[in-house]
N, C-alpha and C. Protein backbone atom coordinates (compact mmCIF):
# COMPACT_ATOMS: atom_id res chain seq x y z
N MET A 1 55.23 35.91 24.27
CA MET A 1 54.18 35.48 23.35
C MET A 1 54.47 34.06 22.88
N ASP A 2 53.45 33.24 22.86
CA ASP A 2 53.58 31.84 22.46
C ASP A 2 53.22 31.72 20.99
N ASP A 3 54.21 31.37 20.14
CA ASP A 3 53.99 31.28 18.69
C ASP A 3 53.58 29.88 18.24
N ARG A 4 53.47 28.94 19.18
CA ARG A 4 53.08 27.58 18.80
C ARG A 4 51.64 27.58 18.31
N LEU A 5 51.39 26.76 17.31
CA LEU A 5 50.04 26.60 16.81
C LEU A 5 49.23 25.79 17.80
N GLU A 6 47.98 26.12 17.92
CA GLU A 6 47.08 25.38 18.80
C GLU A 6 46.82 24.01 18.18
N MET A 7 47.07 22.97 18.93
CA MET A 7 46.84 21.61 18.45
C MET A 7 45.35 21.31 18.54
N PRO A 8 44.83 20.55 17.57
CA PRO A 8 43.41 20.19 17.64
C PRO A 8 43.18 19.23 18.81
N THR A 9 42.00 19.32 19.38
CA THR A 9 41.65 18.40 20.45
C THR A 9 41.34 17.03 19.84
N ALA A 10 41.32 16.02 20.69
CA ALA A 10 40.98 14.68 20.21
C ALA A 10 39.59 14.68 19.58
N LEU A 11 38.68 15.47 20.13
CA LEU A 11 37.34 15.57 19.58
C LEU A 11 37.36 16.18 18.18
N GLU A 12 38.14 17.21 17.98
CA GLU A 12 38.26 17.83 16.65
C GLU A 12 38.86 16.87 15.64
N VAL A 13 39.84 16.11 16.07
CA VAL A 13 40.46 15.11 15.18
C VAL A 13 39.43 14.06 14.80
N ALA A 14 38.71 13.58 15.78
CA ALA A 14 37.69 12.55 15.51
C ALA A 14 36.64 13.07 14.55
N ARG A 15 36.19 14.31 14.75
CA ARG A 15 35.17 14.89 13.86
C ARG A 15 35.69 15.04 12.44
N ALA A 16 36.93 15.49 12.28
CA ALA A 16 37.50 15.68 10.95
C ALA A 16 37.65 14.34 10.22
N MET A 17 38.14 13.35 10.92
CA MET A 17 38.31 12.04 10.30
C MET A 17 36.95 11.41 9.99
N ALA A 18 35.99 11.59 10.89
CA ALA A 18 34.65 11.06 10.66
C ALA A 18 34.01 11.70 9.43
N LYS A 19 34.24 12.99 9.24
CA LYS A 19 33.67 13.68 8.08
C LYS A 19 34.21 13.10 6.78
N ILE A 20 35.51 12.87 6.74
CA ILE A 20 36.12 12.29 5.55
C ILE A 20 35.58 10.88 5.30
N LEU A 21 35.58 10.06 6.34
CA LEU A 21 35.15 8.67 6.17
C LEU A 21 33.66 8.55 5.92
N ARG A 22 32.85 9.42 6.55
CA ARG A 22 31.40 9.40 6.32
C ARG A 22 31.10 9.67 4.84
N GLY A 23 31.81 10.62 4.28
CA GLY A 23 31.62 10.92 2.86
C GLY A 23 31.97 9.73 1.98
N LYS A 24 33.03 9.04 2.33
CA LYS A 24 33.44 7.88 1.54
C LYS A 24 32.45 6.73 1.69
N LEU A 25 31.92 6.56 2.89
CA LEU A 25 30.99 5.45 3.15
C LEU A 25 29.57 5.73 2.66
N ALA A 26 29.30 6.94 2.22
CA ALA A 26 27.96 7.31 1.76
C ALA A 26 27.54 6.55 0.51
N ASP A 27 28.51 6.11 -0.27
CA ASP A 27 28.21 5.33 -1.47
C ASP A 27 28.05 3.87 -1.06
N HIS A 28 26.81 3.48 -0.78
CA HIS A 28 26.54 2.13 -0.28
C HIS A 28 26.77 1.04 -1.33
N GLY A 29 26.86 1.43 -2.57
CA GLY A 29 27.08 0.45 -3.63
C GLY A 29 28.54 0.07 -3.82
N SER A 30 29.42 0.82 -3.20
CA SER A 30 30.85 0.54 -3.36
C SER A 30 31.32 -0.52 -2.37
N GLU A 31 32.06 -1.47 -2.89
CA GLU A 31 32.63 -2.50 -2.03
C GLU A 31 33.97 -2.03 -1.47
N MET A 32 34.61 -1.09 -2.15
CA MET A 32 35.93 -0.62 -1.75
C MET A 32 35.89 0.89 -1.55
N ILE A 33 36.63 1.36 -0.57
CA ILE A 33 36.74 2.80 -0.31
C ILE A 33 38.17 3.20 -0.63
N VAL A 34 38.32 4.25 -1.42
CA VAL A 34 39.63 4.73 -1.82
C VAL A 34 39.79 6.16 -1.32
N LEU A 35 40.88 6.41 -0.60
CA LEU A 35 41.22 7.75 -0.17
C LEU A 35 42.22 8.34 -1.14
N THR A 36 42.06 9.61 -1.43
CA THR A 36 43.08 10.27 -2.23
C THR A 36 44.32 10.43 -1.36
N ARG A 37 45.42 10.73 -1.98
CA ARG A 37 46.65 10.96 -1.24
C ARG A 37 46.46 12.12 -0.25
N GLU A 38 45.74 13.15 -0.68
CA GLU A 38 45.48 14.31 0.17
C GLU A 38 44.61 13.93 1.38
N GLU A 39 43.59 13.12 1.15
CA GLU A 39 42.73 12.68 2.26
C GLU A 39 43.50 11.82 3.24
N ALA A 40 44.31 10.91 2.72
CA ALA A 40 45.10 10.04 3.58
C ALA A 40 46.12 10.87 4.38
N ALA A 41 46.74 11.85 3.73
CA ALA A 41 47.70 12.71 4.42
C ALA A 41 47.02 13.53 5.50
N LEU A 42 45.81 14.01 5.24
CA LEU A 42 45.07 14.76 6.24
C LEU A 42 44.76 13.89 7.45
N CYS A 43 44.25 12.69 7.21
CA CYS A 43 43.94 11.78 8.32
C CYS A 43 45.19 11.43 9.12
N LEU A 44 46.28 11.14 8.42
CA LEU A 44 47.52 10.81 9.09
C LEU A 44 48.04 12.00 9.89
N GLY A 45 48.02 13.18 9.30
CA GLY A 45 48.48 14.37 10.00
C GLY A 45 47.66 14.66 11.24
N LEU A 46 46.35 14.50 11.15
CA LEU A 46 45.48 14.72 12.30
C LEU A 46 45.79 13.72 13.41
N ALA A 47 45.91 12.46 13.03
CA ALA A 47 46.17 11.42 14.03
C ALA A 47 47.54 11.61 14.68
N GLU A 48 48.57 11.89 13.89
CA GLU A 48 49.91 12.09 14.45
C GLU A 48 49.96 13.34 15.32
N GLY A 49 49.30 14.41 14.89
CA GLY A 49 49.28 15.64 15.68
C GLY A 49 48.58 15.44 17.01
N ALA A 50 47.47 14.73 17.00
CA ALA A 50 46.75 14.46 18.25
C ALA A 50 47.58 13.57 19.16
N ALA A 51 48.24 12.56 18.60
CA ALA A 51 49.07 11.67 19.41
C ALA A 51 50.23 12.44 20.05
N GLU A 52 50.86 13.30 19.27
CA GLU A 52 51.98 14.10 19.80
C GLU A 52 51.50 15.02 20.92
N HIS A 53 50.37 15.65 20.71
CA HIS A 53 49.81 16.55 21.73
C HIS A 53 49.49 15.78 23.02
N LEU A 54 48.88 14.61 22.88
CA LEU A 54 48.54 13.82 24.05
C LEU A 54 49.80 13.33 24.77
N GLU A 55 50.83 12.97 24.01
CA GLU A 55 52.09 12.55 24.62
C GLU A 55 52.73 13.70 25.40
N GLN A 56 52.68 14.91 24.84
CA GLN A 56 53.23 16.08 25.53
C GLN A 56 52.47 16.35 26.82
N ARG A 57 51.14 16.27 26.75
CA ARG A 57 50.32 16.50 27.94
C ARG A 57 50.62 15.45 29.01
N GLN A 58 50.82 14.21 28.59
CA GLN A 58 51.12 13.13 29.52
C GLN A 58 52.48 13.38 30.17
N ALA A 59 53.46 13.80 29.39
CA ALA A 59 54.81 14.05 29.91
C ALA A 59 54.79 15.23 30.90
N GLU A 60 54.00 16.24 30.60
CA GLU A 60 53.91 17.40 31.50
C GLU A 60 53.20 17.05 32.79
N GLY A 61 52.31 16.07 32.73
CA GLY A 61 51.57 15.67 33.91
C GLY A 61 52.33 14.73 34.82
N SER A 62 53.43 14.17 34.33
CA SER A 62 54.21 13.20 35.11
C SER A 62 55.07 13.88 36.14
């Protein structure tokens, strides 16, 4: 049995990050966009997880 968690696909990562950023950009009157620590951590975690998954797939394909 494989206990590893399923990594999100690049598409899932892009959709999650787009959802966060779309919400922030919805306020057209704001000149600055501020992410909470939680939002920034989520974006970073998604990006790092996707990068790690893609690196593993690349290494397995070599």
